[in-house]
């Protein structure tokens, strides 16, 4: 996080478009780490610079970033952010022609990995609740990372609790890049996950409609989640690139098999002609047919929500018992526990061995008992509502 007292950095970042600000913030944070200075200090240093020191530093940050394991594109974005910072304060960096070429030369284009539905299922099985939200809602909505992070509790509260059958139309969401609306639908995979996320937020006291569903500080964290899940699920991506944008491509590719080009572009928020827009109901019919190829949960079981809530509660208890995430993943893998009930049993057995107590009485009093009761009561309420005539 950039220091709030760093006036130069914050003024420059706040002057950027929202779609650019997140990328620049991430890149500039790295540049500040490299320089070992704040934006205010960099400006003062630049005023005294007679030897083109900041030109040299900006050129050298690319190799420094690559040595730290950052990608070529990230290294390039750092230099772009630095040039923008100095230009904003009318202290432009002056490069020789050969240096400009080095800064702007095109890097090899990497092809994104095309996830299959089976890949999605495998990643879902090794994911925790928040990771499942990124995965399932990422492929359900097809939003760009910046727009995805803007989703709030208020976008879903009324929809999830009204017994709606997927696909559930969320509404029109204005996108940051193309300034057009995306028409969002909740599919059968995303529905129970959103419900579980809302219940967790309630238990944490995050009940305001304006509360962000995710509190990530930068868009890149979404891509880190997808890459982490791909590794945990043992998916071989070869030399292909894995990022959150792959979720958008997954949805677009599959929708294009059931919709016209203008329709699927309307869903994911790409520009189309004004006379090409159709109603949400028309899109919903086509989206529903496409769910055969985009979802691995063909229908929503009432028990899914209760089981997911119980698993998350058990994980919270396990962490308080000093059981690591690695140990939990290992027991799931060893027991080949892919379904929620299988994972619950495997985790209960692990906790039993860890504390030498019978399953069901596993030191609940040692952790947030009230918190656990609240989660389970919410899940029970959802099940009762689901089976109402």
Protein backbone atom coordinates (compact mmCIF):
# COMPACT_ATOMS: atom_id res chain seq x y z
CA UNK A 1 0.00 0.00 0.00
CA UNK A 2 1.30 3.47 -0.92
CA UNK A 3 1.69 5.76 2.13
CA UNK A 4 -1.27 8.12 2.43
CA UNK A 5 1.17 10.90 3.38
CA UNK A 6 2.95 10.51 0.04
CA UNK A 7 1.19 13.48 -1.56
CA UNK A 8 3.00 13.34 -4.90
CA UNK A 9 2.17 9.68 -5.51
CA UNK A 10 -1.46 9.96 -4.43
CA UNK A 11 -2.19 13.16 -6.38
CA UNK A 12 -0.80 11.61 -9.57
CA UNK A 13 -2.67 8.30 -9.08
CA UNK A 14 -5.96 10.06 -8.33
CA UNK A 15 -5.65 11.98 -11.61
CA UNK A 16 -5.74 8.73 -13.60
CA UNK A 17 -8.81 7.02 -15.04
CA UNK A 18 -10.16 4.29 -12.75
CA UNK A 19 -9.27 1.61 -15.29
CA UNK A 20 -5.64 2.83 -15.35
CA UNK A 21 -5.27 3.73 -11.69
CA UNK A 22 -5.21 0.15 -10.41
CA UNK A 23 -2.49 -0.91 -12.85
CA UNK A 24 -0.37 2.16 -12.13
CA UNK A 25 -0.81 1.78 -8.36
CA UNK A 26 0.53 -1.79 -8.47
CA UNK A 27 3.45 -0.85 -10.77
CA UNK A 28 4.32 2.33 -8.85
CA UNK A 29 4.40 0.48 -5.54
CA UNK A 30 7.12 -1.74 -7.04
CA UNK A 31 9.02 1.29 -8.40
CA UNK A 32 8.99 2.92 -4.95
CA UNK A 33 10.39 -0.28 -3.46
CA UNK A 34 13.13 -0.26 -6.12
CA UNK A 35 13.96 3.42 -5.55
CA UNK A 36 13.77 3.18 -1.75
CA UNK A 37 12.03 6.55 -1.70
CA UNK A 38 8.56 8.08 -1.60
CA UNK A 39 7.06 9.96 -4.52
CA UNK A 40 7.68 13.24 -2.68
CA UNK A 41 11.36 12.37 -2.24
CA UNK A 42 11.68 11.31 -5.87
CA UNK A 43 10.36 14.69 -7.04
CA UNK A 44 12.84 16.55 -4.85
CA UNK A 45 15.65 14.38 -6.19
CA UNK A 46 14.52 14.98 -9.77
CA UNK A 47 14.67 18.74 -9.30
CA UNK A 48 18.39 18.44 -8.46
CA UNK A 49 19.13 15.82 -11.13
CA UNK A 50 21.70 17.07 -13.66
CA UNK A 51 23.15 13.69 -14.61
CA UNK A 52 19.98 11.96 -15.94
CA UNK A 53 19.98 9.72 -12.87
CA UNK A 54 16.25 9.03 -13.07
CA UNK A 55 16.49 8.12 -16.74
CA UNK A 56 19.10 5.51 -15.80
CA UNK A 57 17.04 4.29 -12.84
CA UNK A 58 13.96 3.88 -15.02
CA UNK A 59 15.92 1.89 -17.58
CA UNK A 60 17.52 -0.30 -14.93
CA UNK A 61 14.27 -1.08 -13.10
CA UNK A 62 13.31 -3.43 -15.94
CA UNK A 63 16.21 -5.82 -15.31
CA UNK A 64 15.75 -5.43 -11.54
CA UNK A 65 12.11 -6.46 -11.82
CA UNK A 66 12.92 -9.50 -13.95
CA UNK A 67 15.57 -10.61 -11.45
CA UNK A 68 12.83 -10.55 -8.80
CA UNK A 69 10.80 -12.96 -10.90
CA UNK A 70 8.31 -10.44 -12.29
CA UNK A 71 7.08 -10.86 -15.84
CA UNK A 72 8.28 -8.85 -18.82
CA UNK A 73 4.90 -7.15 -19.04
CA UNK A 74 5.01 -6.15 -15.38
CA UNK A 75 8.53 -4.77 -15.83
CA UNK A 76 7.34 -2.75 -18.79
CA UNK A 77 4.31 -1.44 -16.87
CA UNK A 78 6.65 -0.19 -14.11
CA UNK A 79 8.59 1.97 -16.56
CA UNK A 80 5.35 3.22 -18.10
CA UNK A 81 4.07 4.24 -14.67
CA UNK A 82 7.36 5.99 -13.87
CA UNK A 83 7.28 7.98 -17.12
CA UNK A 84 3.67 8.97 -16.44
CA UNK A 85 4.57 10.13 -12.91
CA UNK A 86 7.37 12.41 -14.07
CA UNK A 87 5.31 13.71 -17.00
CA UNK A 88 2.41 14.63 -14.68
CA UNK A 89 4.74 16.91 -12.73
CA UNK A 90 6.22 18.35 -15.96
CA UNK A 91 9.57 16.71 -15.29
CA UNK A 92 9.56 14.41 -18.33
CA UNK A 93 12.30 11.81 -18.65
CA UNK A 94 14.56 12.34 -21.67
CA UNK A 95 15.78 9.19 -23.39
CA UNK A 96 18.04 8.61 -26.37
CA UNK A 97 16.44 6.92 -29.37
CA UNK A 98 18.09 3.60 -28.53
CA UNK A 99 16.84 3.84 -24.96
CA UNK A 100 13.28 4.54 -26.10
CA UNK A 101 13.43 1.46 -28.29
CA UNK A 102 14.47 -0.61 -25.29
CA UNK A 103 11.54 0.74 -23.28
CA UNK A 104 8.92 0.28 -25.97
CA UNK A 105 10.09 -2.80 -27.84
CA UNK A 106 7.33 -5.38 -28.20
CA UNK A 107 7.65 -8.39 -25.98
CA UNK A 108 6.69 -11.86 -27.22
CA UNK A 109 2.94 -12.30 -27.13
CA UNK A 110 1.87 -15.11 -24.84
CA UNK A 111 -1.25 -17.06 -25.60
CA UNK A 112 -3.75 -17.41 -22.78
CA UNK A 113 -4.53 -20.91 -21.55
CA UNK A 114 -8.04 -22.03 -22.52
CA UNK A 115 -9.56 -23.65 -19.46
CA UNK A 116 -11.93 -26.55 -19.99
CA UNK A 117 -14.99 -27.21 -17.83
CA UNK A 118 -13.13 -30.15 -16.28
CA UNK A 119 -10.26 -27.79 -15.40
CA UNK A 120 -12.77 -25.54 -13.66
CA UNK A 121 -14.17 -28.45 -11.67
CA UNK A 122 -10.71 -29.55 -10.56
CA UNK A 123 -9.80 -26.03 -9.40
CA UNK A 124 -13.12 -25.69 -7.58
CA UNK A 125 -12.40 -28.87 -5.63
CA UNK A 126 -9.10 -27.52 -4.22
CA UNK A 127 -10.32 -23.97 -3.57
CA UNK A 128 -11.43 -22.30 -0.35
CA UNK A 129 -14.55 -20.12 -0.24
CA UNK A 130 -12.96 -16.88 -1.42
CA UNK A 131 -11.09 -18.67 -4.21
CA UNK A 132 -14.33 -20.36 -5.27
CA UNK A 133 -15.95 -16.93 -5.47
CA UNK A 134 -13.18 -15.68 -7.78
CA UNK A 135 -13.38 -18.81 -9.93
CA UNK A 136 -17.15 -19.33 -10.16
CA UNK A 137 -18.21 -15.70 -10.38
CA UNK A 138 -15.30 -14.91 -12.69
CA UNK A 139 -16.59 -17.39 -15.26
CA UNK A 140 -20.25 -16.59 -14.53
CA UNK A 141 -19.92 -12.83 -15.19
CA UNK A 142 -16.99 -12.58 -17.63
CA UNK A 143 -15.98 -9.19 -16.24
CA UNK A 144 -12.55 -7.62 -16.50
CA UNK A 145 -10.58 -7.65 -13.25
CA UNK A 146 -11.15 -3.99 -12.37
CA UNK A 147 -14.91 -4.23 -12.83
CA UNK A 148 -15.06 -7.53 -10.93
CA UNK A 149 -13.44 -6.00 -7.84
CA UNK A 150 -16.12 -3.28 -7.74
CA UNK A 151 -18.93 -5.75 -7.06
CA UNK A 152 -20.56 -5.16 -3.69
CA UNK A 153 -22.87 -6.93 -1.28
CA UNK A 154 -25.71 -4.74 -2.49
CA UNK A 155 -25.42 -6.22 -5.98
CA UNK A 156 -26.48 -9.65 -4.70
CA UNK A 157 -28.40 -9.46 -1.39
CA UNK A 158 -31.93 -9.26 -2.75
CA UNK A 159 -31.29 -11.73 -5.56
CA UNK A 160 -29.75 -14.60 -3.59
CA UNK A 161 -32.44 -14.69 -0.88
CA UNK A 162 -35.49 -14.65 -3.15
CA UNK A 163 -35.51 -18.29 -4.31
CA UNK A 164 -34.54 -17.31 -7.85
CA UNK A 165 -33.50 -20.08 -10.21
CA UNK A 166 -30.27 -19.64 -12.17
CA UNK A 167 -29.42 -17.98 -14.37
CA UNK A 168 -30.25 -14.98 -12.20
CA UNK A 169 -29.99 -11.57 -13.85
CA UNK A 170 -27.91 -9.26 -11.65
CA UNK A 171 -28.39 -6.13 -13.72
CA UNK A 172 -26.47 -3.84 -16.02
CA UNK A 173 -22.99 -2.90 -14.80
CA UNK A 174 -21.08 -0.08 -16.45
CA UNK A 175 -17.58 -1.22 -17.38
CA UNK A 176 -14.47 0.86 -16.85
CA UNK A 177 -12.59 0.22 -20.08
CA UNK A 178 -15.19 0.51 -22.82
CA UNK A 179 -17.77 2.51 -20.84
CA UNK A 180 -20.59 0.19 -21.85
CA UNK A 181 -22.85 -1.99 -19.72
CA UNK A 182 -22.25 -5.67 -19.05
CA UNK A 183 -25.34 -7.81 -18.44
CA UNK A 184 -24.44 -10.09 -15.54
CA UNK A 185 -25.97 -13.49 -14.80
CA UNK A 186 -25.42 -15.77 -11.80
CA UNK A 187 -25.06 -19.40 -12.89
CA UNK A 188 -25.65 -22.57 -10.87
CA UNK A 189 -22.02 -22.79 -9.75
CA UNK A 190 -21.89 -19.19 -8.52
CA UNK A 191 -25.24 -19.10 -6.69
CA UNK A 192 -24.33 -21.13 -3.54
CA UNK A 193 -20.88 -19.53 -3.40
CA UNK A 194 -22.30 -16.00 -3.38
CA UNK A 195 -24.75 -17.07 -0.67
CA UNK A 196 -21.92 -18.49 1.46
CA UNK A 197 -19.85 -15.32 0.91
CA UNK A 198 -22.75 -13.12 2.05
CA UNK A 199 -23.25 -15.28 5.14
CA UNK A 200 -19.54 -15.01 5.96
CA UNK A 201 -19.64 -11.23 5.49
CA UNK A 202 -22.63 -11.03 7.85
CA UNK A 203 -20.77 -13.02 10.50
CA UNK A 204 -17.90 -10.55 10.15
CA UNK A 205 -20.19 -7.55 10.61
CA UNK A 206 -19.84 -6.48 6.98
CA UNK A 207 -23.54 -5.87 6.36
CA UNK A 208 -23.60 -2.56 4.47
CA UNK A 209 -24.71 -2.77 0.80
CA UNK A 210 -21.56 -0.83 -0.16
CA UNK A 211 -19.22 -3.51 1.23
CA UNK A 212 -16.98 -4.91 -1.49
CA UNK A 213 -17.28 -8.66 -1.97
CA UNK A 214 -13.48 -8.83 -2.16
CA UNK A 215 -11.06 -6.54 -0.35
CA UNK A 216 -8.05 -7.14 -2.63
CA UNK A 217 -5.86 -4.07 -3.01
CA UNK A 218 -4.97 -4.68 -6.66
CA UNK A 219 -6.32 -6.48 -9.71
CA UNK A 220 -3.31 -8.77 -10.01
CA UNK A 221 -4.42 -10.65 -6.91
CA UNK A 222 -7.28 -12.14 -8.95
CA UNK A 223 -4.79 -13.60 -11.42
CA UNK A 224 -2.69 -14.94 -8.56
CA UNK A 225 -5.74 -16.83 -7.29
CA UNK A 226 -6.34 -18.48 -10.68
CA UNK A 227 -2.66 -19.39 -11.08
CA UNK A 228 -2.54 -20.81 -7.55
CA UNK A 229 -5.63 -22.94 -8.16
CA UNK A 230 -4.26 -24.23 -11.47
CA UNK A 231 -1.10 -25.40 -9.69
CA UNK A 232 -2.99 -26.95 -6.77
CA UNK A 233 -5.31 -28.77 -9.18
CA UNK A 234 -2.34 -30.17 -11.14
CA UNK A 235 -3.38 -28.58 -14.44
CA UNK A 236 -0.62 -28.60 -17.06
CA UNK A 237 -0.81 -25.25 -18.87
CA UNK A 238 2.44 -25.68 -20.79
CA UNK A 239 3.85 -22.32 -21.87
CA UNK A 240 0.42 -20.67 -21.92
CA UNK A 241 -0.42 -17.66 -19.77
CA UNK A 242 -2.82 -18.00 -16.82
CA UNK A 243 -4.61 -14.91 -15.56
CA UNK A 244 -8.05 -13.82 -14.38
CA UNK A 245 -8.88 -12.71 -17.93
CA UNK A 246 -9.01 -16.43 -18.82
CA UNK A 247 -12.37 -16.55 -16.98
CA UNK A 248 -13.72 -13.88 -19.35
CA UNK A 249 -12.47 -15.83 -22.35
CA UNK A 250 -13.96 -19.06 -21.02
CA UNK A 251 -17.42 -17.50 -20.82
CA UNK A 252 -17.12 -15.64 -24.14
CA UNK A 253 -15.96 -18.75 -26.01
CA UNK A 254 -18.83 -20.87 -24.68
CA UNK A 255 -21.52 -18.21 -25.06
CA UNK A 256 -20.50 -17.73 -28.70
CA UNK A 257 -21.66 -21.30 -29.36
CA UNK A 258 -25.21 -20.45 -28.25
CA UNK A 259 -25.52 -16.73 -28.98
CA UNK A 260 -24.91 -14.32 -31.82
CA UNK A 261 -21.77 -12.17 -31.56
CA UNK A 262 -23.69 -9.07 -30.48
CA UNK A 263 -25.47 -11.00 -27.71
CA UNK A 264 -22.40 -12.49 -26.03
CA UNK A 265 -20.63 -9.15 -26.31
CA UNK A 266 -23.61 -7.54 -24.58
CA UNK A 267 -23.28 -10.04 -21.72
CA UNK A 268 -19.56 -9.47 -21.07
CA UNK A 269 -19.60 -5.72 -21.74
CA UNK A 270 -18.05 -5.16 -25.14
CA UNK A 271 -19.14 -2.43 -27.53
CA UNK A 272 -21.93 -3.21 -29.99
CA UNK A 273 -24.19 -0.99 -32.06
CA UNK A 274 -27.14 0.58 -30.23
CA UNK A 275 -29.71 -1.25 -32.33
CA UNK A 276 -28.12 -4.62 -31.50
CA UNK A 277 -29.07 -4.55 -27.81
CA UNK A 278 -31.73 -7.05 -26.73
CA UNK A 279 -33.66 -7.52 -23.49
CA UNK A 280 -32.22 -9.28 -20.43
CA UNK A 281 -34.93 -11.95 -20.78
CA UNK A 282 -33.77 -12.76 -24.31
CA UNK A 283 -30.18 -13.04 -23.11
CA UNK A 284 -31.27 -15.16 -20.16
CA UNK A 285 -32.79 -17.83 -22.41
CA UNK A 286 -29.57 -18.17 -24.41
CA UNK A 287 -27.40 -17.99 -21.29
CA UNK A 288 -29.40 -20.82 -19.75
CA UNK A 289 -28.77 -23.04 -22.77
CA UNK A 290 -25.05 -22.20 -22.60
CA UNK A 291 -24.83 -23.30 -18.95
CA UNK A 292 -24.64 -26.89 -20.19
CA UNK A 293 -21.06 -26.03 -21.24
CA UNK A 294 -20.16 -23.48 -18.56
CA UNK A 295 -21.27 -25.11 -15.28
CA UNK A 296 -20.33 -28.33 -13.54
CA UNK A 297 -23.15 -28.03 -10.96
CA UNK A 298 -26.19 -28.79 -13.07
CA UNK A 299 -28.65 -27.85 -10.32
CA UNK A 300 -28.36 -26.22 -6.91
CA UNK A 301 -28.81 -28.61 -4.00
CA UNK A 302 -30.07 -27.14 -0.73
CA UNK A 303 -27.46 -29.17 1.13
CA UNK A 304 -24.61 -27.51 -0.77
CA UNK A 305 -24.97 -24.30 1.20
CA UNK A 306 -25.10 -26.06 4.56
CA UNK A 307 -22.11 -28.26 3.68
CA UNK A 308 -20.07 -25.32 2.41
CA UNK A 309 -20.83 -23.34 5.57
CA UNK A 310 -19.85 -26.31 7.73
CA UNK A 311 -16.59 -26.85 5.81
CA UNK A 312 -15.61 -23.19 6.16
CA UNK A 313 -16.42 -23.31 9.89
CA UNK A 314 -14.31 -26.46 10.33
CA UNK A 315 -11.43 -24.82 8.48
CA UNK A 316 -11.60 -21.84 10.84
CA UNK A 317 -11.44 -24.18 13.82
CA UNK A 318 -8.59 -26.18 12.26
CA UNK A 319 -6.53 -23.01 11.81
CA UNK A 320 -7.00 -22.20 15.49
CA UNK A 321 -5.73 -25.71 16.25
CA UNK A 322 -2.54 -24.84 14.30
CA UNK A 323 -3.48 -27.07 11.36
CA UNK A 324 -2.01 -25.47 8.25
CA UNK A 325 -3.63 -24.97 4.85
CA UNK A 326 -1.04 -27.35 3.42
CA UNK A 327 -2.07 -30.08 5.86
CA UNK A 328 -5.71 -29.61 4.90
CA UNK A 329 -4.94 -29.78 1.17
CA UNK A 330 -2.80 -32.86 1.70
CA UNK A 331 -5.52 -34.74 3.58
CA UNK A 332 -8.05 -33.93 0.86
CA UNK A 333 -5.63 -35.17 -1.79
CA UNK A 334 -4.67 -38.31 0.14
CA UNK A 335 -8.32 -39.21 0.82
CA UNK A 336 -9.32 -38.21 -2.75
CA UNK A 337 -11.96 -36.00 -1.15
CA UNK A 338 -13.51 -34.05 -4.01
CA UNK A 339 -17.09 -33.46 -2.83
CA UNK A 340 -18.01 -31.23 0.10
CA UNK A 341 -19.20 -34.12 2.32
CA UNK A 342 -15.97 -36.03 1.61
CA UNK A 343 -13.87 -33.00 2.51
CA UNK A 344 -15.84 -32.48 5.73
CA UNK A 345 -15.24 -36.08 6.82
CA UNK A 346 -11.54 -35.92 5.90
CA UNK A 347 -11.06 -32.68 7.83
CA UNK A 348 -12.95 -33.97 10.87
CA UNK A 349 -10.68 -37.04 10.93
CA UNK A 350 -7.58 -34.86 10.69
CA UNK A 351 -8.80 -32.68 13.56
CA UNK A 352 -9.64 -35.76 15.62
CA UNK A 353 -6.10 -37.07 15.25
CA UNK A 354 -4.67 -33.64 15.93
CA UNK A 355 -6.46 -33.24 19.25
CA UNK A 356 -7.26 -36.83 20.10
CA UNK A 357 -10.94 -36.04 20.49
CA UNK A 358 -14.04 -37.54 18.92
CA UNK A 359 -15.40 -35.97 15.78
CA UNK A 360 -18.28 -33.65 16.60
CA UNK A 361 -16.79 -32.50 19.93
CA UNK A 362 -13.60 -31.10 18.57
CA UNK A 363 -12.85 -28.26 20.99
CA UNK A 364 -15.51 -25.99 19.50
CA UNK A 365 -15.41 -24.04 22.74
CA UNK A 366 -11.77 -23.15 22.15
CA UNK A 367 -12.56 -21.07 19.08
CA UNK A 368 -15.28 -18.70 18.03
CA UNK A 369 -18.25 -20.81 19.10
CA UNK A 370 -20.68 -17.96 18.57
CA UNK A 371 -19.24 -17.41 15.11
CA UNK A 372 -19.66 -21.08 14.21
CA UNK A 373 -23.24 -21.14 15.48
CA UNK A 374 -24.05 -18.06 13.45
CA UNK A 375 -22.69 -19.60 10.23
CA UNK A 376 -24.52 -22.89 10.74
CA UNK A 377 -27.80 -21.16 11.67
CA UNK A 378 -27.61 -19.08 8.50
CA UNK A 379 -27.03 -22.22 6.46
CA UNK A 380 -29.93 -23.99 8.18
CA UNK A 381 -32.21 -21.03 7.50
CA UNK A 382 -31.27 -21.13 3.81
CA UNK A 383 -32.05 -24.86 3.62
CA UNK A 384 -35.46 -24.35 5.26
CA UNK A 385 -36.28 -21.51 2.88
CA UNK A 386 -35.22 -23.62 -0.09
CA UNK A 387 -37.58 -26.47 0.74
CA UNK A 388 -40.61 -24.29 1.43
CA UNK A 389 -43.60 -25.22 -0.78
